Amino acid sequence: MALEMRERCEKCGGELGLGADAFACSYECTFCPACANGMSATCPNCAGELVRRPRRASATTTPRAVVRRLHEAWNTGDLAAVDEIYAEDFVGHFPPSSHLPDRRGREGAREGIRRAKAAFPDWHEAVEAMVTEGNTVVTRYTSTGTHLGEFRGLPGLAPTGRKITVPEISIYRVARGRVAEQWCLLDELGRLQQLGATVAP
């Protein structure tokens, strides 16, 4: 599988052009030869083996890089990045209890980001694990945010100022350099309970 071409060594910060000799782990952490040798060819982040990165004449956008960019857009609320990240015919599958169970197209992706940031301005998705197989990328991440705006239009649930933590897992299908489909699993009930909502049995 093609590796993302990072331009700097993650340890010393030295430049690594496309044709530069470099070493990378399976998570794409990248180091110059001197740093890799100094670490006994073992990645300090994941303890995985560092192998020689292939040289290329041009940069390559990998599925991992696209999904990494997706999480960054949700963290920053960058709606302008949606066109670069999501396919025109994007389909998002979320739990039936979600405020937007089926998200379609780039506007569906924008609406998801918009709603999250309106209710939780500091919404942040911390990726804890990422696994790639071909064009499929799976991320396990923890989303956090402070409830400072309207959430789902629920009556009696004014902004609480509470900080919530939501574990999530998403599977992404990447096609032609953009996310074409997503399946997301999260604990909506737990999120509502953290906000103090009364949920009928």
Protein backbone atom coordinates (compact mmCIF):
# COMPACT_ATOMS: atom_id res chain seq x y z
CA MET A 1 0.00 0.00 0.00
CA ALA A 2 1.23 3.51 -0.79
CA LEU A 3 2.50 5.51 2.16
CA GLU A 4 1.72 9.16 2.70
CA MET A 5 4.75 11.22 1.76
CA ARG A 6 5.53 13.34 4.82
CA GLU A 7 8.00 16.11 4.26
CA ARG A 8 9.86 16.23 7.60
CA CYS A 9 11.43 13.82 10.04
CA GLU A 10 9.18 13.53 13.09
CA LYS A 11 12.14 13.41 15.46
CA CYS A 12 14.66 16.02 14.26
CA GLY A 13 12.43 18.04 11.92
CA GLY A 14 14.83 17.63 8.99
CA GLU A 15 13.39 18.00 5.49
CA LEU A 16 12.48 14.84 3.58
CA GLY A 17 11.72 15.48 -0.07
CA LEU A 18 9.94 12.96 -2.27
CA GLY A 19 13.25 11.44 -3.36
CA ALA A 20 14.84 11.52 0.09
CA ASP A 21 15.92 8.40 1.90
CA ALA A 22 13.47 7.90 4.78
CA PHE A 23 11.98 5.25 7.04
CA ALA A 24 8.32 4.81 8.05
CA CYS A 25 6.23 2.54 10.28
CA SER A 26 2.85 1.06 9.33
CA TYR A 27 1.15 4.14 10.84
CA GLU A 28 3.20 6.34 8.48
CA CYS A 29 5.34 7.94 11.20
CA THR A 30 8.38 9.06 9.19
CA PHE A 31 12.04 9.53 10.17
CA CYS A 32 15.32 10.35 8.47
CA PRO A 33 17.92 7.53 8.29
CA ALA A 34 20.04 8.97 11.12
CA CYS A 35 17.10 9.15 13.53
CA ALA A 36 15.76 5.74 12.44
CA ASN A 37 19.16 4.15 13.07
CA GLY A 38 19.40 5.89 16.44
CA MET A 39 16.08 4.32 17.42
CA SER A 40 17.16 0.84 16.29
CA ALA A 41 14.61 0.99 13.44
CA THR A 42 11.73 0.96 15.94
CA CYS A 43 9.00 3.61 15.91
CA PRO A 44 8.86 5.42 19.29
CA ASN A 45 5.11 6.01 18.87
CA CYS A 46 3.77 2.53 18.12
CA ALA A 47 6.85 0.33 18.68
CA GLY A 48 6.44 -0.94 15.12
CA GLU A 49 9.29 -1.71 12.74
CA LEU A 50 10.61 1.14 10.62
CA VAL A 51 11.08 0.14 6.98
CA ARG A 52 12.58 2.08 4.08
CA ARG A 53 10.03 4.36 2.45
CA PRO A 54 9.69 4.06 -1.33
CA ARG A 55 10.86 7.05 -3.35
CA ARG A 56 8.42 8.77 -5.69
CA ALA A 57 8.43 11.46 -8.35
CA SER A 58 5.16 13.00 -7.10
CA ALA A 59 3.15 13.18 -3.90
CA THR A 60 0.43 10.60 -3.24
CA THR A 61 -2.78 11.12 -1.28
CA THR A 62 -3.48 7.92 0.65
CA PRO A 63 -6.79 6.81 2.19
CA ARG A 64 -5.22 7.28 5.64
CA ALA A 65 -4.29 10.88 4.79
CA VAL A 66 -7.83 11.64 3.57
CA VAL A 67 -9.41 10.26 6.77
CA ARG A 68 -6.86 12.09 8.92
CA ARG A 69 -7.86 15.29 7.11
CA LEU A 70 -11.55 14.48 7.75
CA HIS A 71 -11.02 14.35 11.52
CA GLU A 72 -9.07 17.63 11.34
CA ALA A 73 -12.01 19.29 9.55
CA TRP A 74 -14.41 18.16 12.28
CA ASN A 75 -12.01 19.48 14.93
CA THR A 76 -11.62 22.90 13.31
CA GLY A 77 -15.11 23.22 11.80
CA ASP A 78 -13.53 23.82 8.37
CA LEU A 79 -16.58 23.60 6.08
CA ALA A 80 -14.52 24.72 3.08
CA ALA A 81 -12.49 21.50 3.33
CA VAL A 82 -15.59 19.33 2.77
CA ASP A 83 -15.25 19.47 -1.03
CA GLU A 84 -11.65 18.19 -0.79
CA ILE A 85 -12.51 15.37 1.64
CA TYR A 86 -15.97 14.03 0.75
CA ALA A 87 -17.20 12.66 -2.57
CA GLU A 88 -20.17 14.38 -4.23
CA ASP A 89 -22.26 11.23 -3.71
CA PHE A 90 -21.08 10.66 -0.12
CA VAL A 91 -23.37 8.51 2.06
CA GLY A 92 -23.04 8.47 5.85
CA HIS A 93 -24.69 5.75 7.93
CA PHE A 94 -25.21 6.72 11.58
CA PRO A 95 -27.27 5.09 14.38
CA PRO A 96 -31.07 5.47 13.99
CA SER A 97 -31.09 7.50 17.22
CA SER A 98 -28.74 10.09 15.67
CA HIS A 99 -30.07 13.54 14.72
CA LEU A 100 -28.98 12.79 11.12
CA PRO A 101 -29.03 9.00 10.65
CA ASP A 102 -28.50 9.21 6.88
CA ARG A 103 -26.19 11.93 5.58
CA ARG A 104 -26.04 12.37 1.87
CA GLY A 105 -23.73 14.37 -0.31
CA ARG A 106 -21.33 17.08 0.73
CA GLU A 107 -24.16 19.16 2.17
CA GLY A 108 -25.00 16.28 4.53
CA ALA A 109 -21.38 16.26 5.71
CA ARG A 110 -21.40 20.05 6.17
CA GLU A 111 -24.64 19.88 8.15
CA GLY A 112 -23.12 17.29 10.50
CA ILE A 113 -20.08 19.48 11.19
CA ARG A 114 -22.25 22.59 11.48
CA ARG A 115 -24.56 21.02 14.07
CA ALA A 116 -21.72 19.56 16.11
CA LYS A 117 -19.88 22.88 16.28
CA ALA A 118 -23.05 24.85 17.05
CA ALA A 119 -23.82 22.67 20.07
CA PHE A 120 -20.21 21.97 21.11
CA PRO A 121 -17.91 24.76 19.81
CA ASP A 122 -14.81 22.95 21.09
CA TRP A 123 -15.80 19.60 19.54
CA HIS A 124 -12.67 17.49 19.14
CA GLU A 125 -12.10 13.98 17.79
CA ALA A 126 -8.94 12.39 19.18
CA VAL A 127 -7.98 9.43 16.99
CA GLU A 128 -6.60 6.59 19.09
CA ALA A 129 -6.25 3.90 16.44
CA MET A 130 -6.36 3.76 12.64
CA VAL A 131 -6.34 0.59 10.55
CA THR A 132 -6.21 0.54 6.76
CA GLU A 133 -6.89 -2.26 4.30
CA GLY A 134 -6.90 -1.21 0.69
CA ASN A 135 -9.34 1.71 0.36
CA THR A 136 -11.05 1.00 3.69
CA VAL A 137 -9.97 2.91 6.78
CA VAL A 138 -11.21 2.28 10.33
CA THR A 139 -10.68 4.77 13.14
CA ARG A 140 -11.37 4.44 16.85
CA TYR A 141 -11.60 7.87 18.38
CA THR A 142 -12.90 9.76 21.41
CA SER A 143 -14.98 12.86 20.79
CA THR A 144 -15.24 15.55 23.44
CA GLY A 145 -17.06 18.86 23.62
CA THR A 146 -18.63 21.43 25.94
CA HIS A 147 -22.39 21.87 25.58
CA LEU A 148 -22.75 25.61 24.87
CA GLY A 149 -25.41 25.64 22.13
CA GLU A 150 -28.67 24.03 21.06
CA PHE A 151 -28.37 20.28 20.56
CA ARG A 152 -30.87 18.44 18.37
CA GLY A 153 -33.60 20.95 19.27
CA LEU A 154 -34.51 18.89 22.32
CA PRO A 155 -37.06 20.67 24.56
CA GLY A 156 -35.86 21.29 28.08
CA LEU A 157 -32.24 20.73 27.11
CA ALA A 158 -30.79 24.22 27.11
CA PRO A 159 -27.00 24.55 26.94
CA THR A 160 -25.68 22.97 30.14
CA GLY A 161 -22.00 23.89 30.00
CA ARG A 162 -21.21 20.24 30.61
CA LYS A 163 -18.20 18.55 29.04
CA ILE A 164 -19.08 15.26 27.37
CA THR A 165 -16.99 12.31 26.20
CA VAL A 166 -18.22 10.06 23.40
CA PRO A 167 -16.33 6.94 22.22
CA GLU A 168 -16.81 6.37 18.47
CA ILE A 169 -15.75 3.95 15.76
CA SER A 170 -16.07 4.77 12.06
CA ILE A 171 -15.41 2.77 8.91
CA TYR A 172 -14.64 4.82 5.80
CA ARG A 173 -14.62 3.78 2.16
CA VAL A 174 -12.31 6.01 0.13
CA ALA A 175 -12.68 6.24 -3.65
CA ARG A 176 -10.72 8.46 -6.04
CA GLY A 177 -9.09 10.32 -3.16
CA ARG A 178 -12.31 11.21 -1.29
CA VAL A 179 -14.50 9.63 1.39
CA ALA A 180 -17.43 8.02 -0.43
CA GLU A 181 -19.10 6.21 2.47
CA GLN A 182 -18.98 6.10 6.26
CA TRP A 183 -20.45 3.80 8.90
CA CYS A 184 -20.34 5.32 12.39
CA LEU A 185 -21.06 3.68 15.74
CA LEU A 186 -21.42 5.83 18.86
CA ASP A 187 -23.30 5.78 22.16
CA GLU A 188 -26.09 8.33 21.62
CA LEU A 189 -27.85 7.31 24.84
CA GLY A 190 -24.68 7.89 26.83
CA ARG A 191 -24.25 11.30 25.24
CA LEU A 192 -27.79 12.35 26.17
CA GLN A 193 -27.38 11.07 29.71
CA GLN A 194 -24.17 13.09 30.12
CA LEU A 195 -26.20 16.17 29.15
CA GLY A 196 -28.79 15.39 31.82
CA ALA A 197 -31.56 14.41 29.43
CA THR A 198 -34.32 12.18 30.79
CA VAL A 199 -34.65 9.16 28.55
CA ALA A 200 -37.87 7.13 28.75
CA PRO A 201 -37.43 3.33 29.08
